[in-house]
């Protein structure tokens, strides 16, 4: 018997279903995919899950098992959702960023002006780029903290929140495709050279192209993330705060990282302010859904003994 908690089973099943859907879309649309490129990361994810089950079943190392299994799911989730996102190309309409730029203007925000201000402080722009690039690491560190405390319930709620946020984010983008502020504005080359945002105007132009025209092969895709609105990077920044909230010292650290992440996401992620606001709202909604789904699943008795009791209920 596989010793998996209901949340672990559900997450892996959803990831498998999305992966199968991505394969169907690739075959249906005739998008060429080099499946060999997925072999190593998928194998790594599966090995982590299997190792976690072994740790739980054989050595009763529950806390280590929790994070190892989730690490495997984390890897598989990233691969599957990124691939599925690509398979949704092209979209039925051009990017709607002009609308979100108008919303930004009403809120007093402009991406070029924001970048221009940071161009006066190159060291700060560089530091925020580093923080921006470490968002997945900070998220996983939040998971590790909960596993170390043996707080299985909150760990699984956090993982669920990210999963549900992924689904919602892709669904919104599929209906209202967006490349972000970098896809609308052309940043001054002098400012771009100083700030060096990874998602710059050239990147945004590529996003606009693939959103409208699609791709014939995954190998042709020269961009990473495709979604402007809502910002999933914002989800990755907010979930760790929700995750470690019961632990006061860690809460302050998480809030500090969040405070640094938001300007980094706006500048280096080439996002509209509306993208980030939407990402924050989606995180809150996904967390509430996750709490309820997890609570409902916990009512069902397990057929194997739970190694670690729930420490702190998720809120």
C-alpha atoms as a PDB file:
ATOM      1  CA  UNK A   1       0.000   0.000   0.000  1.00  0.00           C
ATOM      2  CA  UNK A   2       1.278   3.480  -0.904  1.00  0.00           C
ATOM      3  CA  UNK A   3       1.466   5.511   2.271  1.00  0.00           C
ATOM      4  CA  UNK A   4       0.272   8.814   0.889  1.00  0.00           C
ATOM      5  CA  UNK A   5      -1.971  11.336   2.577  1.00  0.00           C
ATOM      6  CA  UNK A   6      -5.115  12.402   0.684  1.00  0.00           C
ATOM      7  CA  UNK A   7      -3.560  15.764  -0.241  1.00  0.00           C
ATOM      8  CA  UNK A   8      -0.452  14.075  -1.628  1.00  0.00           C
ATOM      9  CA  UNK A   9      -2.559  11.668  -3.687  1.00  0.00           C
ATOM     10  CA  UNK A  10      -4.777  14.456  -4.992  1.00  0.00           C
ATOM     11  CA  UNK A  11      -1.878  16.704  -5.967  1.00  0.00           C
ATOM     12  CA  UNK A  12      -0.119  13.907  -7.834  1.00  0.00           C
ATOM     13  CA  UNK A  13      -3.358  12.879  -9.564  1.00  0.00           C
ATOM     14  CA  UNK A  14      -4.074  16.447 -10.701  1.00  0.00           C
ATOM     15  CA  UNK A  15      -0.507  16.847 -11.949  1.00  0.00           C
ATOM     16  CA  UNK A  16      -0.831  13.566 -13.865  1.00  0.00           C
ATOM     17  CA  UNK A  17      -4.165  14.678 -15.356  1.00  0.00           C
ATOM     18  CA  UNK A  18      -2.727  18.027 -16.475  1.00  0.00           C
ATOM     19  CA  UNK A  19       0.283  16.221 -17.923  1.00  0.00           C
ATOM     20  CA  UNK A  20      -1.981  13.889 -19.898  1.00  0.00           C
ATOM     21  CA  UNK A  21      -4.004  16.878 -21.122  1.00  0.00           C
ATOM     22  CA  UNK A  22      -0.799  18.570 -22.282  1.00  0.00           C
ATOM     23  CA  UNK A  23       0.153  15.448 -24.241  1.00  0.00           C
ATOM     24  CA  UNK A  24      -3.307  15.285 -25.861  1.00  0.00           C
ATOM     25  CA  UNK A  25      -3.110  18.955 -26.841  1.00  0.00           C
ATOM     26  CA  UNK A  26       0.376  18.504 -28.292  1.00  0.00           C
ATOM     27  CA  UNK A  27      -0.738  15.558 -30.418  1.00  0.00           C
ATOM     28  CA  UNK A  28      -3.998  17.221 -31.457  1.00  0.00           C
ATOM     29  CA  UNK A  29      -2.384  20.525 -32.415  1.00  0.00           C
ATOM     30  CA  UNK A  30       0.653  18.933 -34.009  1.00  0.00           C
ATOM     31  CA  UNK A  31       3.116  20.737 -31.740  1.00  0.00           C
ATOM     32  CA  UNK A  32       6.458  18.943 -31.901  1.00  0.00           C
ATOM     33  CA  UNK A  33       7.732  17.954 -28.468  1.00  0.00           C
ATOM     34  CA  UNK A  34      11.075  16.369 -27.685  1.00  0.00           C
ATOM     35  CA  UNK A  35       9.837  14.126 -24.893  1.00  0.00           C
ATOM     36  CA  UNK A  36      13.389  13.109 -24.068  1.00  0.00           C
ATOM     37  CA  UNK A  37      13.915  16.572 -22.567  1.00  0.00           C
ATOM     38  CA  UNK A  38      11.422  15.681 -19.836  1.00  0.00           C
ATOM     39  CA  UNK A  39      13.020  12.364 -18.919  1.00  0.00           C
ATOM     40  CA  UNK A  40      15.501  13.550 -16.291  1.00  0.00           C
ATOM     41  CA  UNK A  41      13.258  16.027 -14.422  1.00  0.00           C
ATOM     42  CA  UNK A  42      10.276  13.654 -14.454  1.00  0.00           C
ATOM     43  CA  UNK A  43      12.479  10.803 -13.278  1.00  0.00           C
ATOM     44  CA  UNK A  44      13.816  13.035 -10.493  1.00  0.00           C
ATOM     45  CA  UNK A  45      10.285  13.915  -9.405  1.00  0.00           C
ATOM     46  CA  UNK A  46       9.181  10.282  -9.373  1.00  0.00           C
ATOM     47  CA  UNK A  47      12.305   9.212  -7.480  1.00  0.00           C
ATOM     48  CA  UNK A  48      11.703  11.868  -4.825  1.00  0.00           C
ATOM     49  CA  UNK A  49       8.113  10.716  -4.341  1.00  0.00           C
ATOM     50  CA  UNK A  50       9.182   7.062  -4.141  1.00  0.00           C
ATOM     51  CA  UNK A  51      11.969   7.922  -1.700  1.00  0.00           C
ATOM     52  CA  UNK A  52       9.546   9.854   0.475  1.00  0.00           C
ATOM     53  CA  UNK A  53       7.166   6.901   0.601  1.00  0.00           C
ATOM     54  CA  UNK A  54      10.073   4.649   1.558  1.00  0.00           C
ATOM     55  CA  UNK A  55      11.150   7.039   4.316  1.00  0.00           C
ATOM     56  CA  UNK A  56       7.623   7.011   5.709  1.00  0.00           C
ATOM     57  CA  UNK A  57       7.004   3.293   5.308  1.00  0.00           C
ATOM     58  CA  UNK A  58      10.369   1.804   6.263  1.00  0.00           C
ATOM     59  CA  UNK A  59      12.084   4.271   8.585  1.00  0.00           C
ATOM     60  CA  UNK A  60       9.075   6.144   9.954  1.00  0.00           C
ATOM     61  CA  UNK A  61      10.901   9.409   9.164  1.00  0.00           C
ATOM     62  CA  UNK A  62       7.681  11.336   8.752  1.00  0.00           C
ATOM     63  CA  UNK A  63       8.954  14.895   8.689  1.00  0.00           C
ATOM     64  CA  UNK A  64      11.614  14.112   6.120  1.00  0.00           C
ATOM     65  CA  UNK A  65       9.104  12.084   4.111  1.00  0.00           C
ATOM     66  CA  UNK A  66       6.709  15.035   3.982  1.00  0.00           C
ATOM     67  CA  UNK A  67       9.194  17.382   2.350  1.00  0.00           C
ATOM     68  CA  UNK A  68      10.790  14.763   0.065  1.00  0.00           C
ATOM     69  CA  UNK A  69       7.403  13.743  -1.359  1.00  0.00           C
ATOM     70  CA  UNK A  70       6.416  17.362  -1.786  1.00  0.00           C
ATOM     71  CA  UNK A  71       9.762  18.108  -3.469  1.00  0.00           C
ATOM     72  CA  UNK A  72       8.959  15.458  -6.060  1.00  0.00           C
ATOM     73  CA  UNK A  73       5.483  16.863  -6.575  1.00  0.00           C
ATOM     74  CA  UNK A  74       7.004  20.368  -6.798  1.00  0.00           C
ATOM     75  CA  UNK A  75       9.277  19.311  -9.673  1.00  0.00           C
ATOM     76  CA  UNK A  76       6.512  17.477 -11.527  1.00  0.00           C
ATOM     77  CA  UNK A  77       4.081  20.351 -11.017  1.00  0.00           C
ATOM     78  CA  UNK A  78       6.503  22.887 -12.528  1.00  0.00           C
ATOM     79  CA  UNK A  79       7.173  20.752 -15.607  1.00  0.00           C
ATOM     80  CA  UNK A  80       3.569  19.822 -16.247  1.00  0.00           C
ATOM     81  CA  UNK A  81       1.964  23.244 -15.843  1.00  0.00           C
ATOM     82  CA  UNK A  82       4.657  24.994 -17.883  1.00  0.00           C
ATOM     83  CA  UNK A  83       4.171  22.495 -20.707  1.00  0.00           C
ATOM     84  CA  UNK A  84       0.380  22.680 -20.520  1.00  0.00           C
ATOM     85  CA  UNK A  85       0.573  26.471 -20.710  1.00  0.00           C
ATOM     86  CA  UNK A  86       2.576  26.235 -23.938  1.00  0.00           C
ATOM     87  CA  UNK A  87       0.084  23.787 -25.425  1.00  0.00           C
ATOM     88  CA  UNK A  88      -2.681  26.374 -25.049  1.00  0.00           C
ATOM     89  CA  UNK A  89      -0.953  28.571 -27.647  1.00  0.00           C
ATOM     90  CA  UNK A  90      -2.061  30.348 -29.738  1.00  0.00           C
ATOM     91  CA  UNK A  91      -4.885  32.160 -27.975  1.00  0.00           C
ATOM     92  CA  UNK A  92      -8.110  33.329 -29.545  1.00  0.00           C
ATOM     93  CA  UNK A  93      -7.303  37.024 -29.198  1.00  0.00           C
ATOM     94  CA  UNK A  94      -4.419  39.459 -28.913  1.00  0.00           C
ATOM     95  CA  UNK A  95      -3.008  40.302 -25.469  1.00  0.00           C
ATOM     96  CA  UNK A  96      -5.212  42.602 -23.408  1.00  0.00           C
ATOM     97  CA  UNK A  97      -2.368  44.511 -21.755  1.00  0.00           C
ATOM     98  CA  UNK A  98      -3.552  47.875 -23.090  1.00  0.00           C
ATOM     99  CA  UNK A  99      -6.500  47.596 -20.710  1.00  0.00           C
ATOM    100  CA  UNK A 100      -4.323  46.759 -17.707  1.00  0.00           C
ATOM    101  CA  UNK A 101      -1.953  49.620 -18.555  1.00  0.00           C
ATOM    102  CA  UNK A 102      -4.946  51.970 -18.326  1.00  0.00           C
ATOM    103  CA  UNK A 103      -5.844  50.449 -14.964  1.00  0.00           C
ATOM    104  CA  UNK A 104      -2.243  50.975 -13.857  1.00  0.00           C
ATOM    105  CA  UNK A 105      -2.430  54.620 -14.939  1.00  0.00           C
ATOM    106  CA  UNK A 106      -5.508  55.126 -12.778  1.00  0.00           C
ATOM    107  CA  UNK A 107      -3.531  53.646  -9.877  1.00  0.00           C
ATOM    108  CA  UNK A 108      -0.603  55.969 -10.587  1.00  0.00           C
ATOM    109  CA  UNK A 109       1.756  53.252 -11.824  1.00  0.00           C
ATOM    110  CA  UNK A 110       3.876  53.072 -14.978  1.00  0.00           C
ATOM    111  CA  UNK A 111       6.380  50.285 -15.646  1.00  0.00           C
ATOM    112  CA  UNK A 112       8.817  52.490 -17.642  1.00  0.00           C
ATOM    113  CA  UNK A 113       8.743  55.170 -14.933  1.00  0.00           C
ATOM    114  CA  UNK A 114       9.207  52.525 -12.234  1.00  0.00           C
ATOM    115  CA  UNK A 115      12.248  51.106 -14.012  1.00  0.00           C
ATOM    116  CA  UNK A 116      13.596  54.606 -14.655  1.00  0.00           C
ATOM    117  CA  UNK A 117      13.545  55.369 -10.923  1.00  0.00           C
ATOM    118  CA  UNK A 118      15.462  52.200 -10.092  1.00  0.00           C
ATOM    119  CA  UNK A 119      17.980  53.022 -12.826  1.00  0.00           C
ATOM    120  CA  UNK A 120      19.237  55.679 -10.405  1.00  0.00           C
ATOM    121  CA  UNK A 121      20.124  52.887  -7.971  1.00  0.00           C
ATOM    122  CA  UNK A 122      21.707  50.055 -10.004  1.00  0.00           C
ATOM    123  CA  UNK A 123      22.779  48.138  -6.889  1.00  0.00           C
ATOM    124  CA  UNK A 124      19.178  48.037  -5.679  1.00  0.00           C
ATOM    125  CA  UNK A 125      17.928  46.892  -9.087  1.00  0.00           C
ATOM    126  CA  UNK A 126      20.524  44.101  -9.022  1.00  0.00           C
ATOM    127  CA  UNK A 127      19.538  43.056  -5.510  1.00  0.00           C
ATOM    128  CA  UNK A 128      15.831  42.951  -6.383  1.00  0.00           C
ATOM    129  CA  UNK A 129      16.653  40.866  -9.460  1.00  0.00           C
ATOM    130  CA  UNK A 130      18.315  38.333  -7.168  1.00  0.00           C
ATOM    131  CA  UNK A 131      15.278  38.257  -4.872  1.00  0.00           C
ATOM    132  CA  UNK A 132      12.989  37.901  -7.907  1.00  0.00           C
ATOM    133  CA  UNK A 133      14.972  34.934  -9.218  1.00  0.00           C
ATOM    134  CA  UNK A 134      14.810  33.111  -5.878  1.00  0.00           C
ATOM    135  CA  UNK A 135      10.999  33.040  -5.564  1.00  0.00           C
ATOM    136  CA  UNK A 136      10.712  29.245  -6.105  1.00  0.00           C
ATOM    137  CA  UNK A 137      13.466  28.713  -3.529  1.00  0.00           C
ATOM    138  CA  UNK A 138      11.720  30.900  -0.937  1.00  0.00           C
ATOM    139  CA  UNK A 139       8.495  28.994  -1.553  1.00  0.00           C
ATOM    140  CA  UNK A 140      10.202  25.658  -1.064  1.00  0.00           C
ATOM    141  CA  UNK A 141      11.933  26.942   2.075  1.00  0.00           C
ATOM    142  CA  UNK A 142       8.487  27.742   3.463  1.00  0.00           C
ATOM    143  CA  UNK A 143       7.505  24.135   2.798  1.00  0.00           C
ATOM    144  CA  UNK A 144      10.674  22.936   4.545  1.00  0.00           C
ATOM    145  CA  UNK A 145       9.878  24.990   7.645  1.00  0.00           C
ATOM    146  CA  UNK A 146       6.430  23.433   7.951  1.00  0.00           C
ATOM    147  CA  UNK A 147       7.831  19.935   7.435  1.00  0.00           C
ATOM    148  CA  UNK A 148      10.506  20.572  10.071  1.00  0.00           C
ATOM    149  CA  UNK A 149       7.836  21.647  12.547  1.00  0.00           C
ATOM    150  CA  UNK A 150       5.780  18.568  11.670  1.00  0.00           C
ATOM    151  CA  UNK A 151       2.904  20.812  10.634  1.00  0.00           C
ATOM    152  CA  UNK A 152       1.554  18.481   7.985  1.00  0.00           C
ATOM    153  CA  UNK A 153      -1.836  20.152   7.715  1.00  0.00           C
ATOM    154  CA  UNK A 154      -0.483  23.601   6.931  1.00  0.00           C
ATOM    155  CA  UNK A 155       2.141  22.141   4.606  1.00  0.00           C
ATOM    156  CA  UNK A 156      -0.497  20.403   2.525  1.00  0.00           C
ATOM    157  CA  UNK A 157      -2.762  23.457   2.546  1.00  0.00           C
ATOM    158  CA  UNK A 158       0.171  25.514   1.234  1.00  0.00           C
ATOM    159  CA  UNK A 159       0.831  23.000  -1.537  1.00  0.00           C
ATOM    160  CA  UNK A 160      -2.857  22.933  -2.419  1.00  0.00           C
ATOM    161  CA  UNK A 161      -2.969  26.738  -2.520  1.00  0.00           C
ATOM    162  CA  UNK A 162      -0.138  26.817  -5.070  1.00  0.00           C
ATOM    163  CA  UNK A 163      -1.777  24.101  -7.141  1.00  0.00           C
ATOM    164  CA  UNK A 164      -5.186  25.783  -7.193  1.00  0.00           C
ATOM    165  CA  UNK A 165      -3.571  29.147  -7.920  1.00  0.00           C
ATOM    166  CA  UNK A 166      -1.779  27.579 -10.905  1.00  0.00           C
ATOM    167  CA  UNK A 167      -5.071  26.308 -12.291  1.00  0.00           C
ATOM    168  CA  UNK A 168      -6.865  29.625 -11.744  1.00  0.00           C
ATOM    169  CA  UNK A 169      -3.990  31.672 -13.174  1.00  0.00           C
ATOM    170  CA  UNK A 170      -3.782  29.619 -16.361  1.00  0.00           C
ATOM    171  CA  UNK A 171      -7.576  29.651 -16.732  1.00  0.00           C
ATOM    172  CA  UNK A 172      -7.739  33.453 -16.463  1.00  0.00           C
ATOM    173  CA  UNK A 173      -4.820  33.881 -18.863  1.00  0.00           C
ATOM    174  CA  UNK A 174      -6.394  31.461 -21.348  1.00  0.00           C
ATOM    175  CA  UNK A 175      -9.530  33.622 -21.522  1.00  0.00           C
ATOM    176  CA  UNK A 176      -7.770  36.992 -21.299  1.00  0.00           C
ATOM    177  CA  UNK A 177      -4.213  36.468 -22.614  1.00  0.00           C
ATOM    178  CA  UNK A 178      -1.646  38.930 -21.357  1.00  0.00           C
ATOM    179  CA  UNK A 179       2.089  39.408 -21.828  1.00  0.00           C
ATOM    180  CA  UNK A 180       2.479  41.961 -19.037  1.00  0.00           C
ATOM    181  CA  UNK A 181       3.766  45.522 -19.078  1.00  0.00           C
ATOM    182  CA  UNK A 182       6.910  44.505 -20.964  1.00  0.00           C
ATOM    183  CA  UNK A 183       4.724  43.359 -23.840  1.00  0.00           C
ATOM    184  CA  UNK A 184       3.108  46.784 -24.105  1.00  0.00           C
ATOM    185  CA  UNK A 185       5.895  49.245 -23.360  1.00  0.00           C
ATOM    186  CA  UNK A 186       9.250  49.683 -25.072  1.00  0.00           C
ATOM    187  CA  UNK A 187      11.741  50.417 -22.332  1.00  0.00           C
ATOM    188  CA  UNK A 188      14.402  53.050 -23.004  1.00  0.00           C
ATOM    189  CA  UNK A 189      17.553  51.109 -24.054  1.00  0.00           C
ATOM    190  CA  UNK A 190      19.691  53.127 -21.625  1.00  0.00           C
ATOM    191  CA  UNK A 191      17.413  52.222 -18.712  1.00  0.00           C
ATOM    192  CA  UNK A 192      17.201  48.615 -19.866  1.00  0.00           C
ATOM    193  CA  UNK A 193      21.001  48.410 -19.883  1.00  0.00           C
ATOM    194  CA  UNK A 194      21.162  49.584 -16.265  1.00  0.00           C
ATOM    195  CA  UNK A 195      18.183  47.772 -14.745  1.00  0.00           C
ATOM    196  CA  UNK A 196      18.565  44.648 -16.920  1.00  0.00           C
ATOM    197  CA  UNK A 197      15.117  43.140 -16.310  1.00  0.00           C
ATOM    198  CA  UNK A 198      14.998  39.464 -17.390  1.00  0.00           C
ATOM    199  CA  UNK A 199      11.508  40.090 -18.765  1.00  0.00           C
ATOM    200  CA  UNK A 200      12.300  43.175 -20.821  1.00  0.00           C
ATOM    201  CA  UNK A 201      10.609  44.673 -23.875  1.00  0.00           C
ATOM    202  CA  UNK A 202      12.289  42.207 -26.254  1.00  0.00           C
ATOM    203  CA  UNK A 203      10.993  39.340 -24.128  1.00  0.00           C
ATOM    204  CA  UNK A 204       7.543  40.940 -24.085  1.00  0.00           C
ATOM    205  CA  UNK A 205       7.562  41.221 -27.879  1.00  0.00           C
ATOM    206  CA  UNK A 206       8.284  37.490 -28.126  1.00  0.00           C
ATOM    207  CA  UNK A 207       5.387  36.784 -25.768  1.00  0.00           C
ATOM    208  CA  UNK A 208       3.040  38.842 -27.932  1.00  0.00           C
ATOM    209  CA  UNK A 209       4.188  36.890 -30.983  1.00  0.00           C
ATOM    210  CA  UNK A 210       3.650  33.411 -29.535  1.00  0.00           C
ATOM    211  CA  UNK A 211       0.331  34.360 -27.915  1.00  0.00           C
ATOM    212  CA  UNK A 212      -1.019  35.360 -31.328  1.00  0.00           C
ATOM    213  CA  UNK A 213       0.823  32.893 -33.589  1.00  0.00           C
ATOM    214  CA  UNK A 214       1.570  29.946 -31.330  1.00  0.00           C
ATOM    215  CA  UNK A 215       4.527  27.610 -31.755  1.00  0.00           C
ATOM    216  CA  UNK A 216       5.200  24.666 -34.048  1.00  0.00           C
ATOM    217  CA  UNK A 217       7.628  23.052 -31.631  1.00  0.00           C
ATOM    218  CA  UNK A 218       8.514  23.532 -27.980  1.00  0.00           C
ATOM    219  CA  UNK A 219      12.144  23.858 -29.032  1.00  0.00           C
ATOM    220  CA  UNK A 220      11.205  27.036 -30.921  1.00  0.00           C
ATOM    221  CA  UNK A 221      10.040  28.735 -27.727  1.00  0.00           C
ATOM    222  CA  UNK A 222      12.671  31.213 -26.571  1.00  0.00           C
ATOM    223  CA  UNK A 223      10.794  32.451 -23.506  1.00  0.00           C
ATOM    224  CA  UNK A 224      10.142  30.978 -20.074  1.00  0.00           C
ATOM    225  CA  UNK A 225       6.980  32.156 -18.347  1.00  0.00           C
ATOM    226  CA  UNK A 226       4.107  33.116 -20.627  1.00  0.00           C
ATOM    227  CA  UNK A 227       1.600  34.689 -18.260  1.00  0.00           C
ATOM    228  CA  UNK A 228       1.405  38.402 -17.582  1.00  0.00           C
ATOM    229  CA  UNK A 229      -1.976  38.679 -15.880  1.00  0.00           C
ATOM    230  CA  UNK A 230      -2.377  37.322 -13.239  1.00  0.00           C
ATOM    231  CA  UNK A 231       1.174  37.124 -11.915  1.00  0.00           C
ATOM    232  CA  UNK A 232       2.003  33.615 -10.684  1.00  0.00           C
ATOM    233  CA  UNK A 233       5.328  34.925  -9.419  1.00  0.00           C
ATOM    234  CA  UNK A 234       3.228  36.924  -6.968  1.00  0.00           C
ATOM    235  CA  UNK A 235       1.561  33.714  -5.819  1.00  0.00           C
ATOM    236  CA  UNK A 236       4.976  32.202  -5.108  1.00  0.00           C
ATOM    237  CA  UNK A 237       5.857  35.308  -3.090  1.00  0.00           C
ATOM    238  CA  UNK A 238       2.669  35.350  -1.005  1.00  0.00           C
ATOM    239  CA  UNK A 239       2.208  31.657  -0.193  1.00  0.00           C
ATOM    240  CA  UNK A 240       5.306  31.453   2.064  1.00  0.00           C
ATOM    241  CA  UNK A 241       3.857  34.296   4.150  1.00  0.00           C
ATOM    242  CA  UNK A 242       0.589  32.398   4.590  1.00  0.00           C
ATOM    243  CA  UNK A 243       2.538  29.215   5.261  1.00  0.00           C
ATOM    244  CA  UNK A 244       4.745  30.424   8.127  1.00  0.00           C
ATOM    245  CA  UNK A 245       2.272  32.932   9.585  1.00  0.00           C
ATOM    246  CA  UNK A 246       1.792  31.050  12.915  1.00  0.00           C
ATOM    247  CA  UNK A 247       5.515  31.321  13.649  1.00  0.00           C
ATOM    248  CA  UNK A 248       6.124  34.958  14.600  1.00  0.00           C
ATOM    249  CA  UNK A 249       9.893  35.281  13.926  1.00  0.00           C
ATOM    250  CA  UNK A 250       9.559  33.514  10.576  1.00  0.00           C
ATOM    251  CA  UNK A 251       6.506  35.592   9.770  1.00  0.00           C
ATOM    252  CA  UNK A 252       8.605  38.751   9.964  1.00  0.00           C
ATOM    253  CA  UNK A 253      11.266  37.237   7.710  1.00  0.00           C
ATOM    254  CA  UNK A 254       8.610  36.168   5.195  1.00  0.00           C
ATOM    255  CA  UNK A 255       7.040  39.632   5.208  1.00  0.00           C
ATOM    256  CA  UNK A 256      10.438  41.222   4.596  1.00  0.00           C
ATOM    257  CA  UNK A 257      11.074  38.903   1.643  1.00  0.00           C
ATOM    258  CA  UNK A 258       7.594  39.691   0.319  1.00  0.00           C
ATOM    259  CA  UNK A 259       8.235  43.431   0.622  1.00  0.00           C
ATOM    260  CA  UNK A 260      11.384  42.995  -1.480  1.00  0.00           C
ATOM    261  CA  UNK A 261       9.729  40.588  -3.909  1.00  0.00           C
ATOM    262  CA  UNK A 262       6.875  42.850  -5.010  1.00  0.00           C
ATOM    263  CA  UNK A 263       9.032  45.616  -6.564  1.00  0.00           C
ATOM    264  CA  UNK A 264      11.254  42.906  -8.032  1.00  0.00           C
ATOM    265  CA  UNK A 265       8.254  41.239  -9.658  1.00  0.00           C
ATOM    266  CA  UNK A 266       7.016  44.539 -11.058  1.00  0.00           C
ATOM    267  CA  UNK A 267      10.391  45.597 -12.449  1.00  0.00           C
ATOM    268  CA  UNK A 268      12.161  42.383 -13.421  1.00  0.00           C
ATOM    269  CA  UNK A 269       9.037  40.375 -14.197  1.00  0.00           C
ATOM    270  CA  UNK A 270       7.851  43.099 -16.554  1.00  0.00           C
ATOM    271  CA  UNK A 271       4.454  43.148 -14.860  1.00  0.00           C
ATOM    272  CA  UNK A 272       1.612  45.587 -14.629  1.00  0.00           C
ATOM    273  CA  UNK A 273       0.558  46.556 -11.115  1.00  0.00           C
ATOM    274  CA  UNK A 274      -2.799  44.949 -11.912  1.00  0.00           C
ATOM    275  CA  UNK A 275      -0.988  41.634 -12.517  1.00  0.00           C
ATOM    276  CA  UNK A 276       0.450  41.670  -9.009  1.00  0.00           C
ATOM    277  CA  UNK A 277      -2.819  42.707  -7.358  1.00  0.00           C
ATOM    278  CA  UNK A 278      -4.607  39.888  -9.171  1.00  0.00           C
ATOM    279  CA  UNK A 279      -1.907  37.431  -8.104  1.00  0.00           C
ATOM    280  CA  UNK A 280      -2.358  38.446  -4.464  1.00  0.00           C
ATOM    281  CA  UNK A 281      -6.144  38.042  -4.685  1.00  0.00           C
ATOM    282  CA  UNK A 282      -5.810  34.643  -6.349  1.00  0.00           C
ATOM    283  CA  UNK A 283      -3.468  33.547  -3.568  1.00  0.00           C
ATOM    284  CA  UNK A 284      -6.026  34.500  -0.910  1.00  0.00           C
ATOM    285  CA  UNK A 285      -8.866  32.752  -2.744  1.00  0.00           C
ATOM    286  CA  UNK A 286      -6.753  29.659  -3.408  1.00  0.00           C
ATOM    287  CA  UNK A 287      -5.757  29.474   0.254  1.00  0.00           C
ATOM    288  CA  UNK A 288      -9.394  29.561   1.366  1.00  0.00           C
ATOM    289  CA  UNK A 289     -10.289  26.834  -1.118  1.00  0.00           C
ATOM    290  CA  UNK A 290      -7.281  24.788  -0.014  1.00  0.00           C
ATOM    291  CA  UNK A 291      -8.281  24.986   3.660  1.00  0.00           C
ATOM    292  CA  UNK A 292     -11.768  23.700   2.897  1.00  0.00           C
ATOM    293  CA  UNK A 293     -10.674  20.941   0.541  1.00  0.00           C
ATOM    294  CA  UNK A 294      -8.033  19.723   2.966  1.00  0.00           C
ATOM    295  CA  UNK A 295     -10.433  19.823   5.924  1.00  0.00           C
ATOM    296  CA  UNK A 296     -12.971  17.745   3.990  1.00  0.00           C
ATOM    297  CA  UNK A 297     -10.337  15.164   3.078  1.00  0.00           C
ATOM    298  CA  UNK A 298      -9.084  14.915   6.658  1.00  0.00           C
ATOM    299  CA  UNK A 299     -12.509  13.677   7.763  1.00  0.00           C
ATOM    300  CA  UNK A 300     -11.862  10.398   5.988  1.00  0.00           C
ATOM    301  CA  UNK A 301     -10.008   7.817   8.099  1.00  0.00           C
ATOM    302  CA  UNK A 302      -6.622   6.605   6.871  1.00  0.00           C
ATOM    303  CA  UNK A 303      -5.893   2.908   6.534  1.00  0.00           C
ATOM    304  CA  UNK A 304      -2.415   3.333   7.895  1.00  0.00           C
ATOM    305  CA  UNK A 305      -1.196   4.977  11.082  1.00  0.00           C
ATOM    306  CA  UNK A 306      -0.341   8.691  10.883  1.00  0.00           C
ATOM    307  CA  UNK A 307       3.191   9.189  12.085  1.00  0.00           C
ATOM    308  CA  UNK A 308       2.928  12.818  13.131  1.00  0.00           C
ATOM    309  CA  UNK A 309      -0.146  14.569  14.573  1.00  0.00           C
ATOM    310  CA  UNK A 310      -1.310  17.880  13.173  1.00  0.00           C
ATOM    311  CA  UNK A 311       0.516  20.662  14.981  1.00  0.00           C
ATOM    312  CA  UNK A 312      -1.359  23.861  14.158  1.00  0.00           C
ATOM    313  CA  UNK A 313      -4.635  24.107  12.227  1.00  0.00           C
ATOM    314  CA  UNK A 314      -4.522  26.062   8.971  1.00  0.00           C
ATOM    315  CA  UNK A 315      -6.445  29.278   8.960  1.00  0.00           C
END
